[in-house]
C-alpha atoms as a PDB file:
ATOM      1  CA  MET A   1      39.710 -12.090 109.339  1.00  0.00           C
ATOM      2  CA  GLU A   2      39.771 -13.979 112.584  1.00  0.00           C
ATOM      3  CA  LEU A   3      38.063 -12.779 115.734  1.00  0.00           C
ATOM      4  CA  ASN A   4      40.544 -11.459 118.270  1.00  0.00           C
ATOM      5  CA  HIS A   5      39.454 -13.435 121.326  1.00  0.00           C
ATOM      6  CA  ASN A   6      41.714 -11.441 123.645  1.00  0.00           C
ATOM      7  CA  GLU A   7      39.911  -8.197 122.743  1.00  0.00           C
ATOM      8  CA  VAL A   8      36.521  -9.798 123.357  1.00  0.00           C
ATOM      9  CA  ILE A   9      37.669 -11.344 126.638  1.00  0.00           C
ATOM     10  CA  SER A  10      39.115  -8.008 127.749  1.00  0.00           C
ATOM     11  CA  LYS A  11      35.850  -6.184 127.007  1.00  0.00           C
ATOM     12  CA  VAL A  12      33.752  -8.886 128.699  1.00  0.00           C
ATOM     13  CA  ASN A  13      36.008  -8.633 131.765  1.00  0.00           C
ATOM     14  CA  GLU A  14      35.530  -4.859 131.733  1.00  0.00           C
ATOM     15  CA  LEU A  15      31.762  -5.364 131.630  1.00  0.00           C
ATOM     16  CA  VAL A  16      31.853  -7.897 134.487  1.00  0.00           C
ATOM     17  CA  GLU A  17      34.025  -5.593 136.590  1.00  0.00           C
ATOM     18  CA  LEU A  18      31.609  -2.706 136.048  1.00  0.00           C
ATOM     19  CA  SER A  19      28.648  -4.924 136.938  1.00  0.00           C
ATOM     20  CA  LEU A  20      30.280  -6.040 140.189  1.00  0.00           C
ATOM     21  CA  ASN A  21      31.730  -2.680 141.231  1.00  0.00           C
ATOM     22  CA  LYS A  22      29.265  -0.689 143.336  1.00  0.00           C
ATOM     23  CA  GLY A  23      31.302   2.515 143.088  1.00  0.00           C
ATOM     24  CA  ILE A  24      32.062   4.895 145.931  1.00  0.00           C
ATOM     25  CA  ASN A  25      29.564   4.286 148.694  1.00  0.00           C
ATOM     26  CA  PRO A  26      27.630   6.941 150.623  1.00  0.00           C
ATOM     27  CA  SER A  27      29.572   6.407 153.859  1.00  0.00           C
ATOM     28  CA  GLU A  28      32.824   7.169 152.002  1.00  0.00           C
ATOM     29  CA  LEU A  29      31.263  10.384 150.721  1.00  0.00           C
ATOM     30  CA  MET A  30      30.160  11.295 154.252  1.00  0.00           C
ATOM     31  CA  GLU A  31      33.753  10.967 155.491  1.00  0.00           C
ATOM     32  CA  ASN A  32      34.657  13.970 153.299  1.00  0.00           C
ATOM     33  CA  ILE A  33      32.853  16.349 155.672  1.00  0.00           C
ATOM     34  CA  ALA A  34      36.014  16.462 157.784  1.00  0.00           C
ATOM     35  CA  SER A  35      37.927  17.971 154.872  1.00  0.00           C
ATOM     36  CA  ASP A  36      38.408  21.745 155.057  1.00  0.00           C
ATOM     37  CA  ASP A  37      37.171  22.268 151.497  1.00  0.00           C
ATOM     38  CA  TYR A  38      33.829  20.531 151.963  1.00  0.00           C
ATOM     39  CA  ILE A  39      30.986  22.589 153.364  1.00  0.00           C
ATOM     40  CA  GLU A  40      28.135  20.104 153.138  1.00  0.00           C
ATOM     41  CA  VAL A  41      27.641  16.397 152.665  1.00  0.00           C
ATOM     42  CA  SER A  42      24.084  15.112 152.786  1.00  0.00           C
ATOM     43  CA  ALA A  43      21.989  12.110 151.881  1.00  0.00           C
ATOM     44  CA  LYS A  44      18.306  11.570 151.308  1.00  0.00           C
ATOM     45  CA  LYS A  45      16.202   8.572 150.552  1.00  0.00           C
ATOM     46  CA  LEU A  46      14.501   8.396 147.162  1.00  0.00           C
ATOM     47  CA  CYS A  47      11.657   6.082 146.214  1.00  0.00           C
ATOM     48  CA  ASN A  48      14.087   3.924 144.216  1.00  0.00           C
ATOM     49  CA  GLY A  49      17.367   4.511 146.055  1.00  0.00           C
ATOM     50  CA  VAL A  50      19.497   7.177 147.696  1.00  0.00           C
ATOM     51  CA  GLN A  51      20.851  10.558 146.657  1.00  0.00           C
ATOM     52  CA  CYS A  52      24.019  11.996 148.200  1.00  0.00           C
ATOM     53  CA  ASN A  53      25.119  15.590 147.717  1.00  0.00           C
ATOM     54  CA  VAL A  54      28.640  16.844 148.232  1.00  0.00           C
ATOM     55  CA  ILE A  55      29.217  20.603 148.173  1.00  0.00           C
ATOM     56  CA  PHE A  56      32.569  22.348 148.259  1.00  0.00           C
ATOM     57  CA  PHE A  57      34.280  25.506 147.103  1.00  0.00           C
ATOM     58  CA  ASP A  58      37.381  25.616 144.953  1.00  0.00           C
ATOM     59  CA  ASP A  59      39.582  28.478 143.823  1.00  0.00           C
ATOM     60  CA  SER A  60      38.734  29.828 140.396  1.00  0.00           C
ATOM     61  CA  ILE A  61      41.552  29.864 137.878  1.00  0.00           C
ATOM     62  CA  PHE A  62      40.148  32.921 136.108  1.00  0.00           C
ATOM     63  CA  SER A  63      39.220  35.112 139.092  1.00  0.00           C
ATOM     64  CA  ASP A  64      40.019  35.762 142.728  1.00  0.00           C
ATOM     65  CA  GLY A  65      36.800  34.146 143.950  1.00  0.00           C
ATOM     66  CA  LYS A  66      35.847  30.629 144.795  1.00  0.00           C
ATOM     67  CA  ILE A  67      33.461  28.510 142.749  1.00  0.00           C
ATOM     68  CA  LYS A  68      30.792  26.392 144.381  1.00  0.00           C
ATOM     69  CA  TYR A  69      30.618  22.790 143.188  1.00  0.00           C
ATOM     70  CA  LYS A  70      27.844  20.378 143.989  1.00  0.00           C
ATOM     71  CA  TYR A  71      28.210  16.728 143.088  1.00  0.00           C
ATOM     72  CA  VAL A  72      25.062  14.613 143.147  1.00  0.00           C
ATOM     73  CA  TYR A  73      25.500  10.854 143.501  1.00  0.00           C
ATOM     74  CA  ILE A  74      22.474   8.670 142.738  1.00  0.00           C
ATOM     75  CA  TYR A  75      22.303   5.085 144.030  1.00  0.00           C
ATOM     76  CA  ASN A  76      19.774   2.344 143.381  1.00  0.00           C
ATOM     77  CA  LYS A  77      18.155   0.267 146.146  1.00  0.00           C
ATOM     78  CA  LYS A  78      21.088  -2.168 146.099  1.00  0.00           C
ATOM     79  CA  MET A  79      23.417   0.809 146.748  1.00  0.00           C
ATOM     80  CA  PHE A  80      25.088   0.609 143.342  1.00  0.00           C
ATOM     81  CA  LEU A  81      26.199   4.011 142.067  1.00  0.00           C
ATOM     82  CA  ILE A  82      23.997   4.763 139.061  1.00  0.00           C
ATOM     83  CA  GLU A  83      24.846   8.331 138.163  1.00  0.00           C
ATOM     84  CA  ILE A  84      27.025  11.301 139.062  1.00  0.00           C
ATOM     85  CA  LYS A  85      26.025  14.872 138.199  1.00  0.00           C
ATOM     86  CA  LEU A  86      27.909  18.128 138.680  1.00  0.00           C
ATOM     87  CA  ILE A  87      26.155  21.407 139.359  1.00  0.00           C
ATOM     88  CA  LYS A  88      28.457  24.376 138.832  1.00  0.00           C
ATOM     89  CA  ASN A  89      27.270  27.956 138.372  1.00  0.00           C
ATOM     90  CA  LYS A  90      23.669  26.673 138.305  1.00  0.00           C
ATOM     91  CA  THR A  91      24.497  24.483 135.296  1.00  0.00           C
ATOM     92  CA  GLU A  92      23.975  20.751 135.672  1.00  0.00           C
ATOM     93  CA  SER A  93      26.044  18.275 133.702  1.00  0.00           C
ATOM     94  CA  LEU A  94      26.150  14.515 133.710  1.00  0.00           C
ATOM     95  CA  ILE A  95      29.576  13.249 134.769  1.00  0.00           C
ATOM     96  CA  TRP A  96      29.004   9.489 134.738  1.00  0.00           C
ATOM     97  CA  ASN A  97      26.113   7.081 134.118  1.00  0.00           C
ATOM     98  CA  ARG A  98      26.286   3.325 134.724  1.00  0.00           C
ATOM     99  CA  GLU A  99      23.806   2.414 131.966  1.00  0.00           C
ATOM    100  CA  ALA A 100      25.693   4.503 129.402  1.00  0.00           C
ATOM    101  CA  GLU A 101      28.973   2.828 130.409  1.00  0.00           C
ATOM    102  CA  GLU A 102      27.393  -0.634 130.163  1.00  0.00           C
ATOM    103  CA  ARG A 103      25.890   0.216 126.764  1.00  0.00           C
ATOM    104  CA  LYS A 104      29.233   1.508 125.477  1.00  0.00           C
ATOM    105  CA  ILE A 105      31.062  -1.691 126.462  1.00  0.00           C
ATOM    106  CA  LEU A 106      28.281  -3.905 125.069  1.00  0.00           C
ATOM    107  CA  GLU A 107      28.346  -1.990 121.790  1.00  0.00           C
ATOM    108  CA  GLN A 108      32.127  -2.410 121.611  1.00  0.00           C
ATOM    109  CA  ILE A 109      31.791  -6.177 122.095  1.00  0.00           C
ATOM    110  CA  ILE A 110      29.074  -6.470 119.440  1.00  0.00           C
ATOM    111  CA  ASP A 111      31.163  -4.274 117.145  1.00  0.00           C
ATOM    112  CA  LEU A 112      34.103  -6.691 117.538  1.00  0.00           C
ATOM    113  CA  PHE A 113      31.834  -9.531 116.404  1.00  0.00           C
ATOM    114  CA  ASN A 114      30.512  -7.469 113.474  1.00  0.00           C
ATOM    115  CA  LYS A 115      33.945  -6.208 112.343  1.00  0.00           C
ATOM    116  CA  ASN A 116      35.231  -9.746 112.173  1.00  0.00           C
ATOM    117  CA  LYS A 117      32.288 -10.809 109.995  1.00  0.00           C
ATOM    118  CA  MET A 118      31.459 -13.791 112.154  1.00  0.00           C
ATOM    119  CA  ASP A 119      28.579 -16.001 111.071  1.00  0.00           C
ATOM    120  CA  GLY A 120      26.496 -14.586 113.891  1.00  0.00           C
ATOM    121  CA  HIS A 121      26.648 -17.704 116.039  1.00  0.00           C
ATOM    122  CA  TYR A 122      29.125 -16.300 118.571  1.00  0.00           C
ATOM    123  CA  LYS A 123      27.344 -12.972 118.727  1.00  0.00           C
ATOM    124  CA  THR A 124      23.989 -14.691 119.230  1.00  0.00           C
ATOM    125  CA  GLU A 125      25.382 -16.953 121.949  1.00  0.00           C
ATOM    126  CA  PHE A 126      26.974 -14.002 123.700  1.00  0.00           C
ATOM    127  CA  ILE A 127      23.741 -12.005 123.596  1.00  0.00           C
ATOM    128  CA  LYS A 128      21.730 -15.003 124.861  1.00  0.00           C
ATOM    129  CA  SER A 129      24.166 -15.341 127.775  1.00  0.00           C
ATOM    130  CA  LEU A 130      23.581 -11.776 128.996  1.00  0.00           C
ATOM    131  CA  PRO A 131      21.638 -11.193 132.196  1.00  0.00           C
ATOM    132  CA  VAL A 132      18.230  -9.612 131.573  1.00  0.00           C
ATOM    133  CA  ASP A 133      19.310  -6.175 132.808  1.00  0.00           C
ATOM    134  CA  LEU A 134      22.254  -6.015 130.373  1.00  0.00           C
ATOM    135  CA  TYR A 135      20.142  -7.338 127.512  1.00  0.00           C
ATOM    136  CA  GLU A 136      17.679  -4.522 128.193  1.00  0.00           C
ATOM    137  CA  VAL A 137      20.532  -1.979 128.192  1.00  0.00           C
ATOM    138  CA  LEU A 138      21.644  -3.328 124.819  1.00  0.00           C
ATOM    139  CA  THR A 139      18.174  -3.185 123.261  1.00  0.00           C
ATOM    140  CA  TYR A 140      16.921   0.025 124.901  1.00  0.00           C
ATOM    141  CA  ARG A 141      16.847   3.234 122.833  1.00  0.00           C
ATOM    142  CA  GLY A 142      16.918   1.739 119.394  1.00  0.00           C
ATOM    143  CA  ASN A 143      19.981  -0.478 119.628  1.00  0.00           C
ATOM    144  CA  GLU A 144      18.112  -3.463 118.153  1.00  0.00           C
ATOM    145  CA  TYR A 145      20.288  -3.210 115.038  1.00  0.00           C
ATOM    146  CA  LEU A 146      23.239  -4.337 117.141  1.00  0.00           C
ATOM    147  CA  ILE A 147      21.668  -7.682 117.952  1.00  0.00           C
ATOM    148  CA  GLY A 148      20.026  -8.403 114.632  1.00  0.00           C
END
């Protein structure tokens, strides 16, 4: 079975795009305060970045009341969006995480190499070409089997 280069190229492009895309920036979030539905938009400095909170009410589908939503956006020092959390009814849930997205794409690329039973050369060269931060994402949390 031959490696589908287009699939690999597509996934690598997806990874590059994610690495270059900073995500919605704090000033764009702050512009939402003018919207009627938003009641609070705030930002605070963290030791390793910035946290922005956006709070608004929305009509409940199941009752006559409104539900309070709080979105928490976490940025690193370079102002790249790292994580988005939702707090609704005092329950926090993770909406999006940059590292998890990077890991998923990296795993898909490695899986393409493994499925095509390559001799390991291309996979090894790809892994060696990764920037340190992406290599660490790939090997963090027991994913060493992917690169072996």
